N, C-alpha and C. Protein backbone atom coordinates (compact mmCIF):
# COMPACT_ATOMS: atom_id res chain seq x y z
N MET A 1 93.00 66.08 134.78
CA MET A 1 92.49 66.71 133.57
C MET A 1 93.60 66.74 132.52
N ARG A 2 93.26 66.40 131.31
CA ARG A 2 94.21 66.33 130.21
C ARG A 2 94.31 67.68 129.51
N LEU A 3 95.52 68.15 129.28
CA LEU A 3 95.74 69.42 128.60
C LEU A 3 95.65 69.22 127.09
N PRO A 4 95.22 70.27 126.37
CA PRO A 4 95.15 70.15 124.91
C PRO A 4 96.53 69.89 124.30
N SER A 5 96.55 69.11 123.25
CA SER A 5 97.82 68.80 122.58
C SER A 5 98.33 70.01 121.81
N ASP A 6 99.60 69.96 121.44
CA ASP A 6 100.18 71.03 120.62
C ASP A 6 99.47 71.14 119.28
N ALA A 7 99.12 70.00 118.69
CA ALA A 7 98.43 70.01 117.40
C ALA A 7 97.07 70.70 117.53
N PHE A 8 96.36 70.43 118.63
CA PHE A 8 95.06 71.06 118.85
C PHE A 8 95.23 72.57 119.00
N ARG A 9 96.23 73.00 119.76
CA ARG A 9 96.48 74.44 119.95
C ARG A 9 96.85 75.12 118.63
N ARG A 10 97.65 74.45 117.80
CA ARG A 10 98.01 75.02 116.50
C ARG A 10 96.78 75.17 115.60
N ARG A 11 95.92 74.15 115.58
CA ARG A 11 94.70 74.22 114.77
C ARG A 11 93.79 75.33 115.27
N LEU A 12 93.65 75.44 116.58
CA LEU A 12 92.81 76.49 117.16
C LEU A 12 93.36 77.87 116.81
N LYS A 13 94.67 78.05 116.96
CA LYS A 13 95.29 79.33 116.63
C LYS A 13 95.10 79.67 115.15
N SER A 14 95.23 78.66 114.29
CA SER A 14 95.05 78.86 112.86
C SER A 14 93.61 79.27 112.55
N ARG A 15 92.66 78.64 113.19
CA ARG A 15 91.25 78.98 112.95
C ARG A 15 90.90 80.36 113.49
N LEU A 16 91.48 80.73 114.62
CA LEU A 16 91.25 82.07 115.16
C LEU A 16 91.84 83.12 114.22
N ALA A 17 93.01 82.86 113.66
CA ALA A 17 93.63 83.79 112.70
C ALA A 17 92.77 83.90 111.45
N LEU A 18 92.21 82.78 111.01
CA LEU A 18 91.31 82.79 109.84
C LEU A 18 90.08 83.65 110.12
N GLY A 19 89.50 83.51 111.30
CA GLY A 19 88.35 84.33 111.67
C GLY A 19 88.70 85.81 111.74
N GLU A 20 89.87 86.10 112.30
CA GLU A 20 90.35 87.48 112.36
C GLU A 20 90.52 88.05 110.95
N ALA A 21 91.11 87.27 110.06
CA ALA A 21 91.33 87.72 108.68
C ALA A 21 89.99 87.97 107.99
N ALA A 22 89.03 87.08 108.17
CA ALA A 22 87.72 87.26 107.53
C ALA A 22 87.03 88.53 108.04
N ALA A 23 87.08 88.75 109.34
CA ALA A 23 86.46 89.96 109.91
C ALA A 23 87.15 91.22 109.40
N LEU A 24 88.47 91.20 109.33
CA LEU A 24 89.20 92.38 108.86
C LEU A 24 89.03 92.60 107.35
N LEU A 25 88.88 91.53 106.58
CA LEU A 25 88.59 91.69 105.15
C LEU A 25 87.25 92.39 104.96
N LEU A 26 86.25 92.00 105.74
CA LEU A 26 84.94 92.65 105.67
C LEU A 26 85.06 94.12 106.05
N LEU A 27 85.77 94.39 107.13
CA LEU A 27 85.98 95.77 107.58
C LEU A 27 86.72 96.58 106.51
N ALA A 28 87.73 95.99 105.88
CA ALA A 28 88.49 96.68 104.84
C ALA A 28 87.60 97.00 103.64
N ARG A 29 86.74 96.05 103.24
CA ARG A 29 85.81 96.30 102.12
C ARG A 29 84.91 97.49 102.41
N VAL A 30 84.37 97.52 103.61
CA VAL A 30 83.48 98.62 104.00
C VAL A 30 84.26 99.93 104.06
N ALA A 31 85.44 99.89 104.67
CA ALA A 31 86.25 101.11 104.82
C ALA A 31 86.66 101.68 103.47
N VAL A 32 87.10 100.83 102.53
CA VAL A 32 87.51 101.31 101.22
C VAL A 32 86.34 101.98 100.50
N ALA A 33 85.14 101.48 100.73
CA ALA A 33 83.96 102.05 100.09
C ALA A 33 83.50 103.37 100.73
N LEU A 34 83.77 103.53 102.03
CA LEU A 34 83.18 104.66 102.75
C LEU A 34 84.16 105.71 103.29
N VAL A 35 85.41 105.36 103.45
CA VAL A 35 86.37 106.24 104.13
C VAL A 35 87.33 106.83 103.09
N PRO A 36 87.64 108.12 103.20
CA PRO A 36 88.59 108.72 102.26
C PRO A 36 89.95 108.01 102.31
N PHE A 37 90.60 107.92 101.14
CA PHE A 37 91.87 107.19 101.02
C PHE A 37 92.92 107.70 102.00
N ARG A 38 93.06 109.00 102.14
CA ARG A 38 94.07 109.57 103.04
C ARG A 38 93.83 109.10 104.48
N THR A 39 92.59 109.07 104.90
CA THR A 39 92.25 108.60 106.25
C THR A 39 92.61 107.12 106.40
N LEU A 40 92.28 106.32 105.39
CA LEU A 40 92.62 104.89 105.43
C LEU A 40 94.12 104.69 105.57
N MET A 41 94.89 105.43 104.79
CA MET A 41 96.34 105.26 104.81
C MET A 41 96.95 105.77 106.11
N SER A 42 96.34 106.76 106.75
CA SER A 42 96.86 107.18 108.06
C SER A 42 96.59 106.08 109.09
N LEU A 43 95.50 105.35 108.93
CA LEU A 43 95.21 104.23 109.83
C LEU A 43 96.21 103.10 109.64
N VAL A 44 96.54 102.77 108.39
CA VAL A 44 97.47 101.67 108.16
C VAL A 44 98.92 102.07 108.42
N SER A 45 99.16 103.35 108.63
CA SER A 45 100.51 103.83 108.92
C SER A 45 100.83 103.87 110.42
N ARG A 46 99.89 103.46 111.23
CA ARG A 46 100.13 103.46 112.68
C ARG A 46 101.19 102.43 113.04
N PRO A 47 101.93 102.68 114.12
CA PRO A 47 102.95 101.70 114.55
C PRO A 47 102.29 100.47 115.17
N PRO A 48 103.05 99.38 115.32
CA PRO A 48 102.50 98.18 115.97
C PRO A 48 101.95 98.50 117.36
N ARG A 49 100.96 97.73 117.78
CA ARG A 49 100.32 97.94 119.08
C ARG A 49 101.20 97.52 120.25
N ARG A 50 102.18 96.71 119.98
CA ARG A 50 103.06 96.23 121.05
C ARG A 50 104.50 96.32 120.57
N ASN A 51 105.44 96.02 121.42
CA ASN A 51 106.84 96.06 121.03
C ASN A 51 107.08 95.15 119.84
N GLU A 52 107.97 95.59 118.95
CA GLU A 52 108.31 94.79 117.77
C GLU A 52 108.89 93.44 118.18
N VAL A 53 108.43 92.40 117.52
CA VAL A 53 108.97 91.07 117.75
C VAL A 53 110.05 90.79 116.73
N SER A 54 110.86 89.77 116.97
CA SER A 54 111.92 89.43 116.03
C SER A 54 112.11 87.92 116.00
N GLY A 55 113.03 87.49 115.14
CA GLY A 55 113.40 86.08 115.07
C GLY A 55 112.25 85.17 114.70
N ARG A 56 112.19 84.05 115.41
CA ARG A 56 111.17 83.03 115.10
C ARG A 56 109.75 83.56 115.26
N GLU A 57 109.54 84.38 116.28
CA GLU A 57 108.20 84.90 116.51
C GLU A 57 107.74 85.77 115.32
N ARG A 58 108.65 86.56 114.78
CA ARG A 58 108.33 87.41 113.63
C ARG A 58 108.06 86.55 112.39
N ASN A 59 108.90 85.55 112.15
CA ASN A 59 108.69 84.64 111.02
C ASN A 59 107.36 83.91 111.15
N ARG A 60 107.05 83.45 112.34
CA ARG A 60 105.78 82.75 112.58
C ARG A 60 104.59 83.68 112.31
N ALA A 61 104.70 84.92 112.77
CA ALA A 61 103.61 85.88 112.55
C ALA A 61 103.39 86.12 111.06
N ARG A 62 104.48 86.29 110.31
CA ARG A 62 104.35 86.51 108.86
C ARG A 62 103.67 85.32 108.18
N ARG A 63 104.11 84.10 108.52
CA ARG A 63 103.51 82.90 107.91
C ARG A 63 102.03 82.78 108.28
N GLU A 64 101.73 82.99 109.55
CA GLU A 64 100.35 82.86 110.03
C GLU A 64 99.43 83.86 109.32
N VAL A 65 99.87 85.10 109.23
CA VAL A 65 99.06 86.15 108.61
C VAL A 65 98.91 85.89 107.11
N SER A 66 100.00 85.57 106.44
CA SER A 66 99.94 85.30 105.00
C SER A 66 98.95 84.18 104.70
N SER A 67 99.05 83.10 105.45
CA SER A 67 98.16 81.96 105.25
C SER A 67 96.70 82.31 105.57
N ALA A 68 96.47 82.99 106.67
CA ALA A 68 95.10 83.33 107.08
C ALA A 68 94.44 84.26 106.07
N VAL A 69 95.17 85.25 105.59
CA VAL A 69 94.59 86.19 104.62
C VAL A 69 94.29 85.47 103.30
N ALA A 70 95.20 84.63 102.85
CA ALA A 70 94.98 83.87 101.61
C ALA A 70 93.76 82.97 101.73
N ARG A 71 93.66 82.23 102.83
CA ARG A 71 92.52 81.32 103.01
C ARG A 71 91.22 82.08 103.16
N ALA A 72 91.23 83.16 103.93
CA ALA A 72 90.01 83.94 104.14
C ALA A 72 89.53 84.57 102.84
N SER A 73 90.46 85.12 102.05
CA SER A 73 90.03 85.75 100.79
C SER A 73 89.54 84.72 99.78
N TRP A 74 90.14 83.54 99.81
CA TRP A 74 89.71 82.46 98.91
C TRP A 74 88.27 82.04 99.21
N HIS A 75 87.91 81.98 100.48
CA HIS A 75 86.58 81.52 100.88
C HIS A 75 85.59 82.66 101.13
N PHE A 76 86.05 83.89 100.98
CA PHE A 76 85.18 85.03 101.26
C PHE A 76 84.03 85.04 100.27
N PRO A 77 82.80 85.31 100.73
CA PRO A 77 81.64 85.21 99.85
C PRO A 77 81.56 86.29 98.77
N VAL A 78 82.30 87.39 98.93
CA VAL A 78 82.33 88.44 97.91
C VAL A 78 83.78 88.71 97.51
N LYS A 79 83.96 89.32 96.36
CA LYS A 79 85.30 89.57 95.83
C LYS A 79 86.08 90.52 96.75
N THR A 80 87.34 90.18 96.97
CA THR A 80 88.23 91.08 97.68
C THR A 80 89.33 91.50 96.71
N THR A 81 89.86 92.69 96.93
CA THR A 81 90.93 93.19 96.08
C THR A 81 92.26 93.09 96.82
N CYS A 82 93.32 93.36 96.09
CA CYS A 82 94.65 93.35 96.71
C CYS A 82 94.74 94.40 97.82
N LEU A 83 94.04 95.52 97.67
CA LEU A 83 94.07 96.55 98.72
C LEU A 83 93.39 96.03 99.98
N HIS A 84 92.26 95.34 99.85
CA HIS A 84 91.59 94.76 101.02
C HIS A 84 92.53 93.78 101.73
N ARG A 85 93.17 92.91 100.95
CA ARG A 85 94.06 91.90 101.53
C ARG A 85 95.28 92.55 102.17
N ALA A 86 95.84 93.57 101.53
CA ALA A 86 97.01 94.25 102.08
C ALA A 86 96.67 94.96 103.39
N MET A 87 95.54 95.64 103.43
CA MET A 87 95.12 96.32 104.66
C MET A 87 94.90 95.30 105.78
N THR A 88 94.28 94.18 105.43
CA THR A 88 94.03 93.13 106.42
C THR A 88 95.34 92.57 106.96
N ALA A 89 96.26 92.24 106.07
CA ALA A 89 97.55 91.67 106.50
C ALA A 89 98.32 92.65 107.36
N GLN A 90 98.37 93.91 106.95
CA GLN A 90 99.13 94.88 107.73
C GLN A 90 98.52 95.07 109.13
N SER A 91 97.22 95.08 109.20
CA SER A 91 96.56 95.22 110.50
C SER A 91 96.85 94.01 111.40
N MET A 92 96.76 92.81 110.83
CA MET A 92 97.04 91.61 111.61
C MET A 92 98.50 91.58 112.08
N LEU A 93 99.41 91.98 111.21
CA LEU A 93 100.82 92.01 111.59
C LEU A 93 101.06 93.03 112.70
N ARG A 94 100.45 94.19 112.58
CA ARG A 94 100.61 95.22 113.60
C ARG A 94 100.15 94.70 114.97
N ARG A 95 99.04 93.97 115.00
CA ARG A 95 98.54 93.40 116.26
C ARG A 95 99.52 92.38 116.85
N ARG A 96 100.35 91.80 116.00
CA ARG A 96 101.32 90.79 116.45
C ARG A 96 102.72 91.36 116.68
N GLY A 97 102.85 92.69 116.59
CA GLY A 97 104.13 93.32 116.85
C GLY A 97 105.08 93.33 115.66
N VAL A 98 104.52 93.32 114.46
CA VAL A 98 105.35 93.36 113.24
C VAL A 98 104.98 94.62 112.46
N GLY A 99 105.92 95.54 112.35
CA GLY A 99 105.69 96.79 111.63
C GLY A 99 105.98 96.64 110.15
N ALA A 100 105.03 96.13 109.40
CA ALA A 100 105.20 95.90 107.97
C ALA A 100 104.77 97.14 107.18
N THR A 101 105.15 97.15 105.91
CA THR A 101 104.85 98.29 105.03
C THR A 101 103.87 97.88 103.94
N LEU A 102 102.84 98.69 103.76
CA LEU A 102 101.88 98.51 102.68
C LEU A 102 102.36 99.35 101.50
N PHE A 103 102.55 98.73 100.35
CA PHE A 103 102.97 99.41 99.13
C PHE A 103 101.80 99.54 98.19
N TYR A 104 101.76 100.66 97.48
CA TYR A 104 100.73 100.90 96.48
C TYR A 104 101.44 101.27 95.20
N GLY A 105 101.20 100.51 94.12
CA GLY A 105 101.90 100.76 92.87
C GLY A 105 100.99 100.71 91.67
N ALA A 106 101.55 101.10 90.53
CA ALA A 106 100.79 101.09 89.28
C ALA A 106 101.70 100.61 88.16
N ALA A 107 101.06 100.08 87.12
CA ALA A 107 101.79 99.61 85.94
C ALA A 107 100.84 99.59 84.75
N THR A 108 101.42 99.68 83.57
CA THR A 108 100.67 99.47 82.35
C THR A 108 101.03 98.06 81.88
N LEU A 109 100.05 97.17 81.95
CA LEU A 109 100.28 95.78 81.64
C LEU A 109 99.64 95.40 80.30
N PRO A 110 100.31 94.55 79.53
CA PRO A 110 99.74 94.11 78.25
C PRO A 110 98.37 93.44 78.46
N GLY A 111 97.41 93.88 77.68
CA GLY A 111 96.08 93.28 77.76
C GLY A 111 95.22 93.83 78.89
N LYS A 112 95.82 94.56 79.83
CA LYS A 112 95.06 95.10 80.96
C LYS A 112 95.08 96.63 80.99
N GLY A 113 96.10 97.23 80.40
CA GLY A 113 96.22 98.68 80.46
C GLY A 113 96.76 99.11 81.81
N LEU A 114 96.36 100.29 82.24
CA LEU A 114 96.83 100.84 83.52
C LEU A 114 96.14 100.11 84.66
N THR A 115 96.93 99.53 85.54
CA THR A 115 96.39 98.82 86.70
C THR A 115 97.14 99.25 87.95
N ALA A 116 96.50 99.06 89.09
CA ALA A 116 97.11 99.36 90.38
C ALA A 116 97.20 98.07 91.18
N HIS A 117 98.10 98.05 92.14
CA HIS A 117 98.28 96.87 92.98
C HIS A 117 98.77 97.30 94.35
N ALA A 118 98.36 96.57 95.37
CA ALA A 118 98.82 96.82 96.74
C ALA A 118 99.40 95.52 97.29
N TRP A 119 100.47 95.64 98.06
CA TRP A 119 101.10 94.48 98.66
C TRP A 119 101.75 94.89 99.97
N VAL A 120 102.08 93.88 100.78
CA VAL A 120 102.69 94.12 102.09
C VAL A 120 103.99 93.36 102.19
N ASN A 121 105.02 94.06 102.60
CA ASN A 121 106.33 93.47 102.88
C ASN A 121 106.72 93.79 104.32
N ASP A 122 107.44 92.88 104.91
CA ASP A 122 108.10 93.12 106.19
C ASP A 122 109.58 93.17 105.86
N GLY A 123 110.11 94.37 105.74
CA GLY A 123 111.48 94.51 105.26
C GLY A 123 111.54 94.04 103.82
N ASP A 124 112.41 93.07 103.54
CA ASP A 124 112.50 92.53 102.18
C ASP A 124 111.70 91.24 102.01
N ARG A 125 110.94 90.87 103.02
CA ARG A 125 110.13 89.63 102.95
C ARG A 125 108.68 89.96 102.62
N GLY A 126 108.19 89.34 101.57
CA GLY A 126 106.81 89.55 101.17
C GLY A 126 105.84 88.82 102.08
N VAL A 127 104.68 89.43 102.30
CA VAL A 127 103.64 88.80 103.13
C VAL A 127 102.41 88.51 102.27
N VAL A 128 101.85 89.52 101.62
CA VAL A 128 100.73 89.30 100.70
C VAL A 128 100.92 90.16 99.46
N GLY A 129 100.54 89.64 98.31
CA GLY A 129 100.56 90.37 97.06
C GLY A 129 101.94 90.63 96.47
N PHE A 130 102.97 90.17 97.12
CA PHE A 130 104.34 90.46 96.71
C PHE A 130 104.76 89.73 95.43
N GLU A 131 104.07 88.65 95.09
CA GLU A 131 104.45 87.87 93.91
C GLU A 131 104.41 88.71 92.64
N GLU A 132 103.49 89.66 92.57
CA GLU A 132 103.34 90.49 91.37
C GLU A 132 104.01 91.85 91.51
N ALA A 133 104.55 92.16 92.67
CA ALA A 133 105.04 93.50 92.98
C ALA A 133 106.11 93.99 92.02
N SER A 134 106.95 93.12 91.51
CA SER A 134 108.05 93.54 90.64
C SER A 134 107.56 94.16 89.34
N ARG A 135 106.33 93.91 88.97
CA ARG A 135 105.77 94.46 87.73
C ARG A 135 105.26 95.89 87.91
N TYR A 136 105.22 96.38 89.15
CA TYR A 136 104.61 97.67 89.45
C TYR A 136 105.64 98.69 89.94
N THR A 137 105.39 99.94 89.59
CA THR A 137 106.19 101.05 90.09
C THR A 137 105.54 101.53 91.38
N VAL A 138 106.31 101.62 92.44
CA VAL A 138 105.77 102.06 93.73
C VAL A 138 105.39 103.53 93.66
N LEU A 139 104.15 103.82 93.98
CA LEU A 139 103.66 105.20 94.04
C LEU A 139 103.69 105.73 95.46
N ALA A 140 103.43 104.84 96.41
CA ALA A 140 103.39 105.25 97.81
C ALA A 140 103.64 104.05 98.69
N ARG A 141 104.11 104.31 99.90
CA ARG A 141 104.27 103.25 100.90
C ARG A 141 103.75 103.81 102.21
N PHE A 142 103.15 102.93 102.98
CA PHE A 142 102.54 103.33 104.25
C PHE A 142 102.95 102.36 105.35
N PRO A 143 103.64 102.81 106.37
CA PRO A 143 104.11 104.19 106.56
C PRO A 143 105.34 104.47 105.71
N GLU A 144 105.60 105.75 105.53
CA GLU A 144 106.82 106.18 104.84
C GLU A 144 108.02 105.75 105.68
N PRO A 145 109.18 105.56 105.07
CA PRO A 145 110.36 105.13 105.83
C PRO A 145 110.69 106.02 107.03
N ASP A 146 110.39 107.32 106.92
CA ASP A 146 110.69 108.22 108.04
C ASP A 146 109.51 108.36 109.00
N GLY A 147 108.44 107.55 108.78
CA GLY A 147 107.29 107.56 109.68
C GLY A 147 106.19 108.54 109.29
N ARG A 148 106.44 109.38 108.28
CA ARG A 148 105.41 110.33 107.86
C ARG A 148 104.27 109.60 107.15
N VAL A 149 103.11 110.22 107.19
CA VAL A 149 101.98 109.75 106.38
C VAL A 149 101.80 110.78 105.29
N VAL A 150 102.09 110.41 104.06
CA VAL A 150 102.03 111.34 102.94
C VAL A 150 101.01 110.81 101.95
N ASN A 151 100.12 111.68 101.52
CA ASN A 151 99.14 111.30 100.52
C ASN A 151 99.76 111.52 99.16
N GLN A 152 100.37 110.48 98.60
CA GLN A 152 101.04 110.60 97.32
C GLN A 152 100.17 110.12 96.17
N VAL A 153 99.12 109.42 96.45
CA VAL A 153 98.31 108.83 95.40
C VAL A 153 97.18 109.75 95.04
């Protein structure tokens, strides 16, 4: 019996991550509409489900999640927001042993007025939404650096 090739396994893993991202985007949309913000943020502030990973495994997890969330949101049949994508990315990273931080910020932008934005970083490495993060003032981060869940928004 012939074993699947590495390329086949990579494609399968990528497609499974895409499916996971799509399911979590849907769940995030529903949760944002129905669940109080404080409850949502206490959920995203939970620690990773398994021991923290490092090195190549951590880098691979970040790339996989970033790509899956971007592709899923691009093809998603309804509009997703940065908060939906950030919640999805943080949840996927947590399942892979990466304790990333969800940031929530606000800014007054020319032509847009007061706007809010959410993004996820793993330490100083951006995962989703980080490209625009420098334009925003951080209002809250989940979890807080000391592990507390604080409703600052």
